[in-house]
Amino acid sequence: MLSRKKRRGIIEKRRRDRINTSLLELRRLVPTAFEKQGSAKLEKAEILQMTVDHLKSLHAKGKYFLFIYFN
């Protein structure tokens, strides 16, 4: 049986691994992050910021297309 401290360490490692896997997925999905990935390693904060910017852009385009379609 694992001690409480070791179990906590294992749980924390799984959490970090999930975060890192998701960040890699975002890097592949967000065009600006994908374009920059070859030049240098992106910081996690940069990947998140690019994702937010990309989602805002998609949201704005969606509103624009809905406006054009219904007017």
Protein backbone atom coordinates (compact mmCIF):
# COMPACT_ATOMS: atom_id res chain seq x y z
CA MET A 1 0.00 0.00 0.00
CA LEU A 2 1.33 3.42 -0.94
CA SER A 3 1.78 6.12 1.61
CA ARG A 4 -0.43 9.17 1.43
CA LYS A 5 2.54 11.29 0.29
CA LYS A 6 3.41 8.93 -2.58
CA ARG A 7 -0.23 8.68 -3.69
CA ARG A 8 -0.46 12.46 -3.74
CA GLY A 9 2.70 12.62 -5.86
CA ILE A 10 1.26 10.14 -8.35
CA ILE A 11 -2.02 12.04 -8.55
CA GLU A 12 -0.15 15.33 -9.06
CA LYS A 13 2.00 13.82 -11.84
CA ARG A 14 -1.13 12.59 -13.65
CA ARG A 15 -2.64 16.06 -13.36
CA ARG A 16 0.51 17.69 -14.81
CA ASP A 17 0.63 15.12 -17.61
CA ARG A 18 -2.99 15.85 -18.53
CA ILE A 19 -2.30 19.59 -18.59
CA ASN A 20 0.79 19.14 -20.77
CA THR A 21 -1.02 16.80 -23.16
CA SER A 22 -3.85 19.31 -23.52
CA LEU A 23 -1.40 22.14 -24.16
CA LEU A 24 0.26 20.11 -26.93
CA GLU A 25 -3.16 19.49 -28.44
CA LEU A 26 -3.95 23.22 -28.33
CA ARG A 27 -0.64 23.97 -30.02
CA ARG A 28 -1.61 21.66 -32.88
CA LEU A 29 -5.15 23.06 -33.16
CA VAL A 30 -4.47 26.81 -32.99
CA PRO A 31 -3.02 28.07 -36.29
CA THR A 32 -0.73 30.78 -34.87
CA ALA A 33 0.72 28.42 -32.28
CA PHE A 34 1.27 25.74 -34.92
CA GLU A 35 3.08 28.23 -37.17
CA LYS A 36 5.38 29.34 -34.34
CA GLN A 37 6.18 25.89 -32.99
CA GLY A 38 9.12 25.35 -35.33
CA SER A 39 10.91 28.58 -34.45
CA ALA A 40 11.18 28.12 -30.68
CA LYS A 41 9.56 26.35 -27.79
CA LEU A 42 6.41 28.15 -26.79
CA GLU A 43 5.69 28.83 -23.16
CA LYS A 44 2.48 27.43 -21.76
CA ALA A 45 1.16 30.94 -21.18
CA GLU A 46 1.81 31.81 -24.84
CA ILE A 47 -0.13 28.78 -26.03
CA LEU A 48 -3.04 29.70 -23.78
CA GLN A 49 -3.00 33.34 -24.94
CA MET A 50 -2.94 32.31 -28.60
CA THR A 51 -5.86 29.97 -27.94
CA VAL A 52 -7.88 32.76 -26.31
CA ASP A 53 -7.10 35.12 -29.21
CA HIS A 54 -8.07 32.47 -31.76
CA LEU A 55 -11.35 31.71 -30.01
CA LYS A 56 -12.19 35.42 -29.82
CA SER A 57 -11.49 35.71 -33.54
CA LEU A 58 -13.72 32.74 -34.35
CA HIS A 59 -16.44 34.14 -32.11
CA ALA A 60 -16.29 37.53 -33.86
CA LYS A 61 -16.38 35.89 -37.31
CA GLY A 62 -19.35 33.79 -36.25
CA LYS A 63 -21.27 36.87 -35.17
CA TYR A 64 -20.38 38.58 -38.47
CA PHE A 65 -21.59 35.64 -40.56
CA LEU A 66 -24.81 35.37 -38.55
CA PHE A 67 -25.41 39.10 -39.08
CA ILE A 68 -24.88 38.80 -42.86
CA TYR A 69 -27.03 35.67 -43.10
CA PHE A 70 -30.02 37.07 -41.22
CA ASN A 71 -29.93 40.62 -42.62
